[in-house]
N, C-alpha and C. Protein backbone atom coordinates (compact mmCIF):
# COMPACT_ATOMS: atom_id res chain seq x y z
N MET A 1 233.99 203.71 -51.52
CA MET A 1 233.81 203.43 -53.17
C MET A 1 233.63 204.63 -53.80
N GLU A 2 234.37 204.46 -54.88
CA GLU A 2 234.13 205.36 -55.96
C GLU A 2 232.45 205.85 -56.33
N THR A 3 232.23 206.87 -56.51
CA THR A 3 230.54 206.95 -57.03
C THR A 3 230.73 207.66 -58.37
N ILE A 4 230.21 206.84 -59.16
CA ILE A 4 229.93 207.32 -60.65
C ILE A 4 228.34 207.33 -61.11
N GLY A 5 227.99 208.48 -61.76
CA GLY A 5 226.59 208.50 -62.22
C GLY A 5 226.26 207.37 -63.23
N VAL A 6 224.57 206.79 -63.38
CA VAL A 6 224.70 206.08 -64.27
C VAL A 6 225.23 206.44 -65.79
N GLU A 7 224.95 207.63 -66.44
CA GLU A 7 224.91 207.73 -67.54
C GLU A 7 226.43 207.23 -67.81
N GLU A 8 227.50 207.94 -66.73
CA GLU A 8 228.89 208.01 -67.06
C GLU A 8 229.19 206.06 -66.98
N LEU A 9 228.44 205.38 -66.00
CA LEU A 9 228.47 203.88 -65.88
C LEU A 9 228.33 203.51 -67.30
N CYS A 10 227.46 203.57 -67.90
CA CYS A 10 226.95 203.20 -69.18
C CYS A 10 227.81 203.82 -70.43
N ARG A 11 228.59 204.67 -70.06
CA ARG A 11 229.48 205.01 -71.28
C ARG A 11 230.64 204.40 -71.06
N ARG A 12 231.34 204.05 -69.88
CA ARG A 12 232.47 203.36 -69.51
C ARG A 12 232.31 202.14 -69.58
N TYR A 13 231.20 201.55 -69.19
CA TYR A 13 230.82 200.25 -69.71
C TYR A 13 231.03 199.60 -71.14
N GLU A 14 230.50 200.42 -71.90
CA GLU A 14 230.28 200.51 -73.60
C GLU A 14 231.95 200.50 -73.96
N GLN A 15 232.89 201.24 -73.13
CA GLN A 15 234.13 201.36 -73.57
C GLN A 15 235.28 200.26 -73.60
N VAL A 16 234.64 199.58 -72.16
CA VAL A 16 235.61 198.07 -72.10
C VAL A 16 234.76 197.13 -73.10
N TYR A 17 235.26 195.99 -72.94
CA TYR A 17 235.13 194.95 -73.90
C TYR A 17 234.28 193.88 -72.70
N VAL A 18 233.50 193.16 -72.83
CA VAL A 18 232.46 192.13 -72.12
C VAL A 18 233.80 191.27 -71.65
N ALA A 19 234.38 190.72 -72.57
CA ALA A 19 235.30 189.54 -72.06
C ALA A 19 235.92 190.12 -70.84
N ALA A 20 236.60 191.40 -70.83
CA ALA A 20 237.53 191.84 -69.86
C ALA A 20 235.94 192.04 -68.38
N VAL A 21 234.88 192.41 -68.47
CA VAL A 21 234.30 192.53 -67.45
C VAL A 21 234.01 190.82 -66.93
N SER A 22 233.82 189.85 -67.77
CA SER A 22 233.65 188.52 -67.42
C SER A 22 235.21 188.39 -66.61
N ASP A 23 236.23 188.69 -67.14
CA ASP A 23 236.97 188.25 -66.51
C ASP A 23 237.38 188.96 -64.79
N ALA A 24 236.80 190.07 -64.70
CA ALA A 24 236.57 190.67 -63.56
C ALA A 24 236.01 190.43 -62.62
N LEU A 25 234.43 189.37 -63.17
CA LEU A 25 233.45 188.83 -62.33
C LEU A 25 234.32 187.69 -61.90
N ASP A 26 235.21 186.85 -62.75
CA ASP A 26 235.40 185.22 -62.20
C ASP A 26 236.71 185.58 -61.04
N ALA A 27 237.20 186.75 -61.34
CA ALA A 27 238.48 187.26 -60.32
C ALA A 27 237.73 187.33 -59.06
N ARG A 28 236.53 187.58 -59.00
CA ARG A 28 235.70 187.53 -57.69
C ARG A 28 234.70 186.55 -57.28
N GLY A 29 234.91 185.58 -58.12
CA GLY A 29 234.59 184.42 -57.81
C GLY A 29 232.82 184.13 -58.20
N TYR A 30 232.63 185.13 -59.24
CA TYR A 30 231.31 185.15 -59.87
C TYR A 30 231.50 184.38 -61.38
N TRP A 31 231.43 183.33 -61.32
CA TRP A 31 231.72 182.49 -62.50
C TRP A 31 230.52 182.44 -63.37
N HIS A 32 229.17 182.67 -63.02
CA HIS A 32 228.26 182.23 -63.99
C HIS A 32 227.35 183.36 -64.00
N GLN A 33 227.97 184.58 -64.72
CA GLN A 33 227.12 185.89 -65.06
C GLN A 33 226.88 185.62 -66.40
N ALA A 34 227.60 185.32 -67.29
CA ALA A 34 227.35 185.38 -68.66
C ALA A 34 226.02 184.47 -68.88
N LEU A 35 225.29 185.48 -69.69
CA LEU A 35 224.05 184.45 -70.63
C LEU A 35 224.32 183.50 -71.35
N ASP A 36 223.77 182.48 -71.49
CA ASP A 36 224.39 181.60 -72.67
C ASP A 36 224.26 181.77 -73.95
N SER A 37 224.86 181.27 -75.02
CA SER A 37 225.29 181.70 -76.12
C SER A 37 224.10 181.77 -76.82
N GLY A 38 223.10 181.28 -76.45
CA GLY A 38 221.78 180.97 -77.73
C GLY A 38 221.34 182.49 -77.80
N LEU A 39 221.66 183.42 -77.04
CA LEU A 39 221.39 184.82 -77.04
C LEU A 39 221.85 185.78 -77.89
N GLN A 40 221.60 186.40 -79.24
CA GLN A 40 222.77 186.73 -80.15
C GLN A 40 222.03 188.32 -80.42
N PRO A 41 222.92 189.23 -80.58
CA PRO A 41 222.58 190.29 -80.92
C PRO A 41 221.98 190.78 -82.47
N LEU A 42 220.96 191.61 -82.82
CA LEU A 42 220.23 191.75 -83.79
C LEU A 42 221.34 192.17 -84.91
N ASN A 43 222.37 192.78 -84.50
CA ASN A 43 223.32 193.71 -85.45
C ASN A 43 224.56 193.50 -84.92
N CYS A 44 225.72 193.01 -85.68
CA CYS A 44 226.77 192.94 -85.50
C CYS A 44 227.40 194.45 -84.93
N GLY A 45 228.34 194.41 -83.85
CA GLY A 45 228.86 195.85 -83.39
C GLY A 45 228.08 196.27 -82.49
N THR A 46 226.84 195.76 -81.98
CA THR A 46 226.14 196.00 -80.87
C THR A 46 227.12 196.38 -79.44
N LYS A 47 226.69 197.46 -79.13
CA LYS A 47 227.28 197.78 -77.84
C LYS A 47 225.74 197.93 -76.75
N LEU A 48 226.24 197.74 -75.57
CA LEU A 48 224.86 197.57 -74.71
C LEU A 48 225.12 197.56 -73.23
N ALA A 49 224.81 198.68 -72.36
CA ALA A 49 225.29 198.71 -71.43
C ALA A 49 224.41 199.78 -70.41
N GLY A 50 223.76 199.05 -69.35
CA GLY A 50 222.45 199.92 -68.42
C GLY A 50 222.21 199.17 -67.33
N PRO A 51 221.57 199.51 -66.40
CA PRO A 51 220.64 198.63 -65.64
C PRO A 51 219.53 198.38 -65.58
N ALA A 52 219.39 196.78 -65.39
CA ALA A 52 218.48 196.02 -65.95
C ALA A 52 216.77 196.77 -65.43
N PHE A 53 216.15 196.59 -66.48
CA PHE A 53 214.49 196.75 -66.21
C PHE A 53 213.96 195.48 -66.49
N THR A 54 213.38 194.68 -65.15
CA THR A 54 213.14 192.96 -65.83
C THR A 54 211.94 192.92 -65.86
N MET A 55 211.26 192.07 -66.89
CA MET A 55 210.08 191.86 -67.12
C MET A 55 209.95 190.22 -67.31
N PHE A 56 208.94 189.81 -66.81
CA PHE A 56 208.77 188.24 -66.65
C PHE A 56 207.53 187.62 -67.02
N GLY A 57 206.98 186.52 -68.18
CA GLY A 57 205.87 186.18 -68.32
C GLY A 57 205.50 184.67 -68.68
N SER A 58 204.83 184.39 -69.28
CA SER A 58 204.35 183.09 -69.41
C SER A 58 203.66 182.57 -70.35
N PRO A 59 203.42 181.62 -71.14
CA PRO A 59 202.49 181.06 -72.39
C PRO A 59 200.93 181.48 -71.60
N ASN A 60 199.81 182.09 -72.26
CA ASN A 60 198.75 182.37 -71.91
C ASN A 60 197.78 182.81 -72.82
N ARG A 61 196.60 182.00 -72.61
CA ARG A 61 195.74 182.56 -73.89
C ARG A 61 194.74 183.55 -73.72
N THR A 62 194.79 184.74 -72.88
CA THR A 62 194.21 185.40 -72.66
C THR A 62 194.34 186.84 -74.04
N THR A 63 193.20 187.27 -74.42
CA THR A 63 192.95 188.18 -75.59
C THR A 63 192.72 189.52 -74.38
N ASP A 64 192.25 189.78 -73.49
CA ASP A 64 191.68 190.60 -72.56
C ASP A 64 192.59 191.89 -72.91
N LYS A 65 192.40 192.84 -73.15
CA LYS A 65 193.48 194.18 -73.41
C LYS A 65 193.57 194.47 -71.82
N SER A 66 192.61 194.41 -70.91
CA SER A 66 193.09 194.86 -69.61
C SER A 66 193.73 194.27 -68.71
N LEU A 67 194.17 192.76 -69.33
CA LEU A 67 195.14 191.81 -68.57
C LEU A 67 196.40 192.23 -69.31
N ARG A 68 196.56 192.75 -70.39
CA ARG A 68 197.84 192.83 -71.15
C ARG A 68 198.92 193.53 -70.03
N LYS A 69 199.94 193.12 -69.79
CA LYS A 69 201.03 194.21 -68.94
C LYS A 69 201.94 194.93 -69.62
N SER A 70 202.13 194.14 -70.95
CA SER A 70 203.37 194.72 -71.15
C SER A 70 203.66 196.32 -72.04
N PRO A 71 202.44 196.80 -72.45
CA PRO A 71 202.46 197.98 -72.42
C PRO A 71 202.44 198.87 -71.29
N ARG A 72 201.90 198.39 -70.17
CA ARG A 72 201.93 199.25 -69.04
C ARG A 72 203.65 199.19 -68.71
N ALA A 73 204.06 198.11 -68.36
CA ALA A 73 205.79 198.25 -68.26
C ALA A 73 206.56 198.91 -68.75
N VAL A 74 206.15 198.99 -70.33
CA VAL A 74 207.12 199.92 -71.19
C VAL A 74 206.74 201.35 -70.64
N ASP A 75 205.46 201.68 -70.29
CA ASP A 75 205.31 202.86 -70.38
C ASP A 75 206.23 203.41 -68.52
N GLU A 76 206.41 202.46 -68.07
CA GLU A 76 207.46 202.97 -66.88
C GLU A 76 208.51 202.54 -67.12
N LEU A 77 209.30 202.35 -68.30
CA LEU A 77 210.91 202.57 -68.26
C LEU A 77 211.62 203.97 -68.14
N ALA A 78 212.77 202.98 -67.46
CA ALA A 78 213.65 204.34 -66.73
C ALA A 78 214.53 204.85 -68.10
N PRO A 79 214.89 205.90 -68.12
CA PRO A 79 215.85 206.34 -69.02
C PRO A 79 217.29 205.67 -68.75
N LEU A 80 218.22 205.34 -69.46
CA LEU A 80 219.32 204.44 -69.50
C LEU A 80 218.92 203.22 -69.13
N SER A 81 217.79 202.50 -69.00
CA SER A 81 217.51 201.28 -68.64
C SER A 81 217.55 200.36 -69.77
N VAL A 82 218.15 198.80 -69.41
CA VAL A 82 217.88 198.13 -70.56
C VAL A 82 216.68 197.04 -70.07
N VAL A 83 215.99 196.82 -70.91
CA VAL A 83 215.07 195.89 -70.80
C VAL A 83 215.36 194.24 -70.76
N VAL A 84 214.82 193.61 -69.88
CA VAL A 84 215.32 192.09 -69.67
C VAL A 84 214.27 191.49 -69.47
N MET A 85 214.00 190.76 -70.59
CA MET A 85 212.73 189.86 -70.48
C MET A 85 212.76 188.28 -70.73
N GLY A 86 212.22 188.05 -69.33
CA GLY A 86 212.12 186.36 -69.49
C GLY A 86 210.64 186.00 -70.02
N THR A 87 211.03 184.78 -70.64
CA THR A 87 209.51 184.40 -71.25
C THR A 87 209.09 182.66 -70.87
N SER A 88 209.76 182.24 -70.16
CA SER A 88 209.45 181.03 -69.36
C SER A 88 209.82 179.99 -70.50
N GLY A 89 210.56 180.19 -71.42
CA GLY A 89 210.92 179.31 -72.56
C GLY A 89 210.07 179.05 -73.72
N ASP A 90 209.02 179.78 -73.55
CA ASP A 90 208.30 179.92 -74.62
C ASP A 90 208.69 179.84 -76.32
N PRO A 91 208.93 178.94 -77.26
CA PRO A 91 209.61 178.86 -78.12
C PRO A 91 208.89 179.35 -79.56
N ILE A 92 207.63 179.84 -79.43
CA ILE A 92 206.92 180.34 -80.68
C ILE A 92 206.62 181.57 -80.84
N THR A 93 206.34 182.39 -79.84
CA THR A 93 205.84 183.93 -79.91
C THR A 93 206.88 184.84 -80.28
N GLY A 94 206.53 186.15 -80.76
CA GLY A 94 207.36 187.11 -81.07
C GLY A 94 206.99 188.01 -79.78
N HIS A 95 207.98 188.05 -79.12
CA HIS A 95 207.55 188.83 -77.70
C HIS A 95 207.78 190.04 -77.63
N TRP A 96 208.67 190.44 -78.48
CA TRP A 96 209.22 191.77 -78.64
C TRP A 96 208.84 192.27 -80.04
N GLY A 97 208.39 193.62 -80.30
CA GLY A 97 208.26 193.89 -81.81
C GLY A 97 208.16 195.24 -82.00
N GLU A 98 208.09 196.14 -83.00
CA GLU A 98 208.34 197.15 -83.54
C GLU A 98 207.66 198.26 -82.51
N LEU A 99 206.77 198.28 -82.03
CA LEU A 99 205.69 199.17 -81.47
C LEU A 99 206.38 199.26 -79.95
N LEU A 100 206.41 198.03 -79.18
CA LEU A 100 207.63 198.22 -77.68
C LEU A 100 208.80 199.15 -78.35
N THR A 101 209.56 198.54 -79.36
CA THR A 101 210.89 199.31 -79.28
C THR A 101 210.77 200.76 -79.76
N ASN A 102 209.53 201.37 -80.17
CA ASN A 102 209.56 202.40 -80.72
C ASN A 102 209.12 203.15 -79.11
N ALA A 103 208.37 202.51 -78.29
CA ALA A 103 208.20 203.11 -76.76
C ALA A 103 209.53 203.20 -76.23
N ALA A 104 210.30 202.06 -76.31
CA ALA A 104 211.69 202.02 -75.50
C ALA A 104 212.50 203.42 -75.96
N VAL A 105 212.73 203.66 -77.30
CA VAL A 105 213.55 204.54 -77.83
C VAL A 105 212.92 205.78 -77.44
N TYR A 106 211.75 206.04 -77.38
CA TYR A 106 211.06 207.31 -76.99
C TYR A 106 211.66 207.48 -75.13
N ARG A 107 211.64 206.37 -74.46
CA ARG A 107 212.03 206.60 -73.12
C ARG A 107 213.14 206.59 -72.98
N LYS A 108 214.07 206.70 -74.05
CA LYS A 108 215.83 206.54 -73.95
C LYS A 108 216.11 205.28 -73.43
N CYS A 109 215.55 204.30 -73.47
CA CYS A 109 215.66 202.77 -73.12
C CYS A 109 217.34 202.71 -74.08
N ARG A 110 218.21 202.12 -73.37
CA ARG A 110 219.47 201.62 -74.04
C ARG A 110 219.39 200.50 -74.61
N GLY A 111 218.23 199.98 -74.93
CA GLY A 111 218.47 198.44 -75.86
C GLY A 111 217.51 197.25 -74.58
N ALA A 112 217.38 195.99 -75.35
CA ALA A 112 216.92 195.07 -74.29
C ALA A 112 217.61 193.41 -74.78
N VAL A 113 217.08 192.90 -73.82
CA VAL A 113 217.81 191.38 -73.69
C VAL A 113 216.46 190.53 -73.73
N VAL A 114 215.88 189.70 -74.64
CA VAL A 114 214.69 188.98 -75.04
C VAL A 114 215.14 187.57 -75.00
N ASP A 115 214.73 186.68 -74.00
CA ASP A 115 214.98 185.65 -73.75
C ASP A 115 213.72 184.66 -74.75
N GLY A 116 213.88 185.15 -75.74
CA GLY A 116 212.75 184.66 -76.72
C GLY A 116 213.08 185.08 -77.81
N GLY A 117 211.63 185.48 -78.30
CA GLY A 117 211.36 185.98 -79.95
C GLY A 117 211.36 187.35 -80.42
N ILE A 118 211.51 187.77 -81.04
CA ILE A 118 211.18 189.03 -81.58
C ILE A 118 210.50 189.18 -83.16
N ARG A 119 209.98 190.32 -83.21
CA ARG A 119 209.08 190.45 -84.67
C ARG A 119 209.18 191.76 -84.98
N ASP A 120 208.67 191.78 -86.59
CA ASP A 120 209.11 193.16 -86.83
C ASP A 120 210.42 193.71 -86.91
N THR A 121 211.04 192.39 -87.49
CA THR A 121 212.73 192.62 -87.22
C THR A 121 213.37 193.64 -88.24
N ALA A 122 212.86 194.17 -89.41
CA ALA A 122 213.31 194.94 -90.46
C ALA A 122 213.28 196.49 -89.61
N PHE A 123 212.00 196.86 -88.80
CA PHE A 123 211.90 197.78 -88.41
C PHE A 123 212.45 198.07 -87.47
N ILE A 124 212.93 197.10 -86.08
CA ILE A 124 213.84 197.15 -85.35
C ILE A 124 215.42 197.40 -85.57
N ARG A 125 215.64 196.98 -86.58
CA ARG A 125 217.00 197.01 -87.28
C ARG A 125 216.95 198.59 -87.77
N GLU A 126 216.16 198.82 -88.60
CA GLU A 126 215.84 200.68 -89.21
C GLU A 126 216.08 201.27 -87.65
N LEU A 127 215.55 201.38 -86.66
CA LEU A 127 215.52 202.09 -85.50
C LEU A 127 216.78 202.20 -84.74
N GLY A 128 217.84 200.77 -85.15
CA GLY A 128 218.98 200.88 -84.58
C GLY A 128 219.12 200.57 -83.53
N PHE A 129 217.84 200.11 -82.38
CA PHE A 129 218.05 199.86 -81.25
C PHE A 129 218.75 198.32 -81.03
N PRO A 130 219.69 198.63 -79.68
CA PRO A 130 220.28 197.34 -79.64
C PRO A 130 219.47 196.33 -78.64
N ILE A 131 219.48 194.94 -79.28
CA ILE A 131 218.54 194.03 -78.87
C ILE A 131 219.56 192.59 -79.13
N TYR A 132 219.41 191.87 -78.15
CA TYR A 132 219.67 190.30 -77.99
C TYR A 132 218.39 189.47 -77.83
N TYR A 133 218.42 188.29 -78.75
CA TYR A 133 217.17 187.61 -78.76
C TYR A 133 217.75 186.30 -78.98
N ARG A 134 216.59 185.44 -79.32
CA ARG A 134 216.88 183.94 -79.51
C ARG A 134 216.20 183.52 -80.87
N PHE A 135 215.36 183.95 -81.39
CA PHE A 135 214.59 183.60 -82.40
C PHE A 135 213.95 184.76 -83.30
N HIS A 136 213.49 184.75 -84.63
CA HIS A 136 212.53 185.41 -84.93
C HIS A 136 211.26 184.92 -85.09
N SER A 137 210.01 185.33 -84.89
CA SER A 137 208.71 184.92 -85.01
C SER A 137 207.81 185.93 -85.36
N PRO A 138 206.61 185.62 -86.40
CA PRO A 138 205.96 186.39 -87.04
C PRO A 138 204.74 186.23 -85.69
N ARG A 139 204.62 185.50 -84.74
CA ARG A 139 203.11 185.38 -84.02
C ARG A 139 203.04 186.23 -82.83
N ASP A 140 201.90 187.04 -83.10
CA ASP A 140 201.65 187.75 -81.82
C ASP A 140 201.54 187.44 -80.51
N ALA A 141 201.96 188.11 -79.49
CA ALA A 141 201.80 187.22 -78.02
C ALA A 141 200.49 187.30 -77.70
N SER A 142 199.58 188.21 -78.24
CA SER A 142 197.98 188.09 -77.60
C SER A 142 197.42 186.45 -77.85
N GLY A 143 197.01 186.57 -77.14
CA GLY A 143 196.27 184.77 -77.12
C GLY A 143 197.59 183.60 -76.98
N ARG A 144 199.06 184.10 -77.10
CA ARG A 144 199.99 183.12 -76.78
C ARG A 144 200.71 183.23 -75.77
N TRP A 145 201.03 184.43 -75.20
CA TRP A 145 201.97 184.94 -74.22
C TRP A 145 201.61 185.89 -73.24
N ASN A 146 201.83 186.22 -72.05
CA ASN A 146 201.26 187.58 -71.90
C ASN A 146 202.36 187.69 -70.27
N LEU A 147 202.67 188.84 -70.07
CA LEU A 147 203.24 189.55 -69.07
C LEU A 147 202.89 189.18 -67.50
N ILE A 148 203.76 188.50 -66.54
CA ILE A 148 202.85 188.55 -65.51
C ILE A 148 203.46 189.69 -64.74
N ASP A 149 204.65 189.80 -64.72
CA ASP A 149 205.10 190.80 -63.52
C ASP A 149 206.10 191.55 -64.23
N TYR A 150 206.91 192.80 -63.54
CA TYR A 150 207.95 193.32 -64.33
C TYR A 150 208.51 194.08 -62.74
N GLN A 151 209.92 194.55 -63.17
CA GLN A 151 210.89 195.00 -61.84
C GLN A 151 210.75 193.90 -60.78
N CYS A 152 210.94 192.92 -61.08
CA CYS A 152 210.90 191.81 -60.22
C CYS A 152 212.29 190.64 -60.28
N PRO A 153 212.69 189.66 -59.78
CA PRO A 153 214.04 188.95 -59.99
C PRO A 153 213.23 187.85 -61.61
N VAL A 154 214.34 187.87 -62.43
CA VAL A 154 213.92 187.13 -63.38
C VAL A 154 215.07 186.46 -63.97
N GLU A 155 214.87 185.33 -64.62
CA GLU A 155 215.73 184.22 -65.30
C GLU A 155 215.86 184.53 -66.77
N ALA A 156 217.01 184.99 -67.06
CA ALA A 156 217.16 185.10 -68.40
C ALA A 156 218.61 184.60 -68.87
N GLY A 157 218.60 183.42 -69.96
CA GLY A 157 219.89 183.17 -70.55
C GLY A 157 220.49 182.38 -69.26
N GLY A 158 220.14 181.54 -68.37
CA GLY A 158 220.41 181.06 -67.25
C GLY A 158 220.84 181.63 -65.96
N VAL A 159 221.00 182.91 -66.02
CA VAL A 159 221.29 183.83 -65.09
C VAL A 159 220.29 184.64 -64.35
N LEU A 160 220.03 184.44 -62.96
CA LEU A 160 218.97 185.27 -62.22
C LEU A 160 219.50 186.56 -62.12
N ILE A 161 218.64 187.43 -62.85
CA ILE A 161 218.98 189.00 -62.83
C ILE A 161 217.74 189.94 -62.27
N THR A 162 218.20 190.57 -61.42
CA THR A 162 217.27 191.61 -60.22
C THR A 162 217.38 193.30 -60.82
N PRO A 163 216.49 193.45 -61.04
CA PRO A 163 216.32 194.98 -61.39
C PRO A 163 217.59 195.73 -60.50
N GLY A 164 218.28 196.68 -61.74
CA GLY A 164 219.15 197.25 -61.11
C GLY A 164 220.54 196.70 -61.24
N ASP A 165 220.61 195.34 -61.68
CA ASP A 165 221.98 194.91 -62.16
C ASP A 165 222.41 195.38 -63.36
N PHE A 166 223.70 195.45 -63.56
CA PHE A 166 223.90 196.07 -64.63
C PHE A 166 224.18 195.11 -65.85
N ILE A 167 223.59 195.17 -67.13
CA ILE A 167 223.64 194.68 -68.28
C ILE A 167 224.75 195.02 -69.27
N VAL A 168 225.76 194.02 -69.24
CA VAL A 168 226.72 194.64 -70.55
C VAL A 168 226.86 193.49 -71.70
N GLY A 169 226.48 194.12 -73.05
CA GLY A 169 226.84 193.33 -73.99
C GLY A 169 227.75 193.80 -75.09
N ASP A 170 228.20 192.85 -75.72
CA ASP A 170 228.87 193.33 -77.35
C ASP A 170 228.75 191.78 -77.92
N ASP A 171 229.61 191.79 -79.02
CA ASP A 171 229.64 190.43 -79.96
C ASP A 171 229.99 189.15 -79.29
N ASP A 172 230.41 189.33 -78.07
CA ASP A 172 230.62 188.02 -77.64
C ASP A 172 229.73 187.58 -76.69
N GLY A 173 228.86 188.48 -76.39
CA GLY A 173 227.52 188.13 -75.66
C GLY A 173 227.40 188.85 -74.37
N ILE A 174 226.52 188.61 -73.31
CA ILE A 174 225.95 189.35 -72.37
C ILE A 174 226.34 188.93 -70.86
N VAL A 175 226.76 189.97 -69.72
CA VAL A 175 227.07 189.49 -68.56
C VAL A 175 226.24 190.49 -67.71
N VAL A 176 226.08 189.83 -66.66
CA VAL A 176 225.27 190.55 -65.79
C VAL A 176 226.14 190.57 -64.49
N VAL A 177 226.19 192.04 -64.07
CA VAL A 177 227.16 192.89 -63.16
C VAL A 177 225.96 192.66 -61.98
N PRO A 178 226.09 192.20 -60.74
CA PRO A 178 225.43 192.45 -59.53
C PRO A 178 225.27 193.84 -59.18
N ARG A 179 224.30 194.34 -58.99
CA ARG A 179 224.13 195.86 -58.55
C ARG A 179 224.95 196.61 -57.85
N GLU A 180 225.57 195.83 -56.81
CA GLU A 180 226.19 196.07 -55.55
C GLU A 180 227.77 196.20 -55.67
N LEU A 181 228.17 195.63 -57.06
CA LEU A 181 229.49 195.61 -57.50
C LEU A 181 229.87 196.27 -58.90
N VAL A 182 228.81 196.80 -59.28
CA VAL A 182 229.01 197.50 -60.79
C VAL A 182 230.16 198.65 -60.56
N VAL A 183 230.49 199.42 -59.83
CA VAL A 183 231.65 200.36 -59.86
C VAL A 183 232.72 199.50 -59.32
N ASP A 184 232.63 198.55 -58.61
CA ASP A 184 234.11 197.84 -58.50
C ASP A 184 234.63 196.99 -59.60
N VAL A 185 233.55 196.53 -60.42
CA VAL A 185 234.10 195.55 -61.54
C VAL A 185 234.15 196.35 -62.74
N LEU A 186 233.49 197.60 -62.72
CA LEU A 186 234.08 198.61 -63.96
C LEU A 186 235.68 198.84 -63.71
N LEU A 187 235.67 199.37 -62.48
CA LEU A 187 237.39 199.84 -62.20
C LEU A 187 238.36 198.57 -62.79
N GLU A 188 237.74 197.67 -62.14
CA GLU A 188 238.73 196.07 -62.39
C GLU A 188 238.86 195.86 -64.27
N ALA A 189 237.87 196.06 -64.54
CA ALA A 189 237.47 195.69 -66.08
C ALA A 189 238.62 196.83 -66.61
N GLU A 190 238.47 197.94 -66.33
CA GLU A 190 239.25 199.12 -67.15
C GLU A 190 240.89 198.78 -66.73
N ALA A 191 241.16 198.35 -65.87
CA ALA A 191 242.66 198.05 -65.21
C ALA A 191 243.05 196.99 -66.19
N ILE A 192 242.07 196.16 -66.52
CA ILE A 192 242.39 194.67 -67.48
C ILE A 192 242.69 195.34 -68.92
N VAL A 193 241.76 195.90 -69.23
CA VAL A 193 242.05 196.35 -70.89
C VAL A 193 243.11 197.22 -70.71
N ASN A 194 243.55 197.94 -69.88
CA ASN A 194 244.96 198.59 -70.15
C ASN A 194 246.09 198.08 -70.12
N THR A 195 245.89 196.60 -69.05
CA THR A 195 247.20 195.58 -68.92
C THR A 195 247.01 194.93 -70.17
N GLU A 196 245.88 194.54 -70.89
CA GLU A 196 246.02 193.67 -71.92
C GLU A 196 246.44 194.74 -73.50
N LYS A 197 246.51 195.95 -73.40
CA LYS A 197 247.16 196.97 -74.28
C LYS A 197 248.18 196.62 -74.41
N GLU A 198 249.17 196.90 -72.89
CA GLU A 198 250.39 196.59 -72.87
C GLU A 198 251.14 195.37 -73.31
N ILE A 199 250.43 194.22 -73.06
CA ILE A 199 250.72 192.85 -73.47
C ILE A 199 250.45 192.84 -75.23
N ARG A 200 249.34 193.35 -75.77
CA ARG A 200 249.59 193.25 -77.09
C ARG A 200 250.44 194.00 -77.58
N GLN A 201 251.21 195.03 -77.51
CA GLN A 201 251.94 195.95 -77.75
C GLN A 201 253.39 195.16 -77.68
N ARG A 202 253.44 194.51 -76.37
CA ARG A 202 254.67 194.08 -76.35
C ARG A 202 254.88 192.57 -77.28
N VAL A 203 253.44 191.94 -77.64
CA VAL A 203 253.85 190.74 -78.45
C VAL A 203 253.95 191.31 -79.70
N ARG A 204 253.39 192.36 -80.26
CA ARG A 204 253.83 192.98 -81.62
C ARG A 204 255.09 193.32 -81.75
N GLU A 205 255.61 193.69 -80.52
CA GLU A 205 257.62 193.74 -80.66
C GLU A 205 258.14 192.52 -80.82
N GLY A 206 257.50 191.48 -80.58
CA GLY A 206 258.15 189.96 -80.57
C GLY A 206 258.71 189.78 -79.27
N GLN A 207 258.15 190.09 -78.30
CA GLN A 207 258.34 189.35 -76.95
C GLN A 207 257.78 187.80 -76.51
N SER A 208 258.41 187.17 -75.96
CA SER A 208 257.86 186.03 -75.72
C SER A 208 256.67 185.65 -74.76
N VAL A 209 255.78 184.69 -75.50
CA VAL A 209 254.38 184.77 -74.98
C VAL A 209 254.73 184.34 -73.52
N ALA A 210 255.35 183.20 -73.46
CA ALA A 210 255.42 182.28 -72.34
C ALA A 210 256.14 183.41 -71.25
N GLU A 211 257.11 184.21 -71.73
CA GLU A 211 257.57 185.26 -70.53
C GLU A 211 256.50 186.04 -69.82
N LEU A 212 255.70 186.67 -71.26
CA LEU A 212 254.88 187.38 -70.79
C LEU A 212 253.46 186.98 -69.99
N TYR A 213 253.20 185.65 -70.25
CA TYR A 213 252.33 185.43 -69.58
C TYR A 213 252.65 185.19 -67.98
N MET A 214 254.00 184.92 -67.83
CA MET A 214 254.70 184.45 -66.46
C MET A 214 254.47 186.18 -65.53
N GLU A 215 254.66 187.23 -66.40
CA GLU A 215 254.76 188.63 -65.53
C GLU A 215 253.49 188.81 -65.39
N TYR A 216 252.52 188.98 -66.51
CA TYR A 216 251.40 189.56 -66.38
C TYR A 216 250.09 188.59 -65.73
N GLU A 217 250.31 187.28 -65.79
CA GLU A 217 249.59 186.06 -65.43
C GLU A 217 248.14 186.09 -66.11
N ARG A 218 248.23 186.45 -67.55
CA ARG A 218 246.84 186.47 -68.55
C ARG A 218 247.48 186.65 -69.46
N PHE A 219 246.72 186.05 -70.61
CA PHE A 219 246.70 185.90 -72.03
C PHE A 219 245.64 185.76 -72.54
């Protein structure tokens, strides 16, 4: 298998589109790697690619600062990682805000997928931080929700994600590439993109869509 560094993986995954990555996963029998459509990017045109740094929490009434794990988790973020936060379906809290965003930016994190709420939205948008989320909320997590663990398997958007799985997102949504398939799926997605460029050009030249479909077995 070809060896590719993480930085180059991020760059090349951002150059392909998520639909091609999804098609490459489908071809391998991985039919359920797309997070559900309720997760949307804060800004149109968002591109996101990087290894998952996972966080998991649930509703909790504690306000004891010594028990608040989110700041500690963010301090351990690795450069180029993408935060993936599972919230146990909590529907009211702003799980991610501006201060966490600034910390993630400083640590060269590439973005976040928050299966829950964000707050301080204008500040996050101003920072240009790539983020997917479910809803906006002004409510602080303290006294409502607490991080239980991080760098552990977590469910987000209906997909089980483990640390190091590759997160790839654009305007179509987010897919998760299992860490052991990251290079192979990238190469296959790049091949799909090149094939679709050929098909696109031949369609523009007036060739039969039905014939092209039979030739390429895709459209």
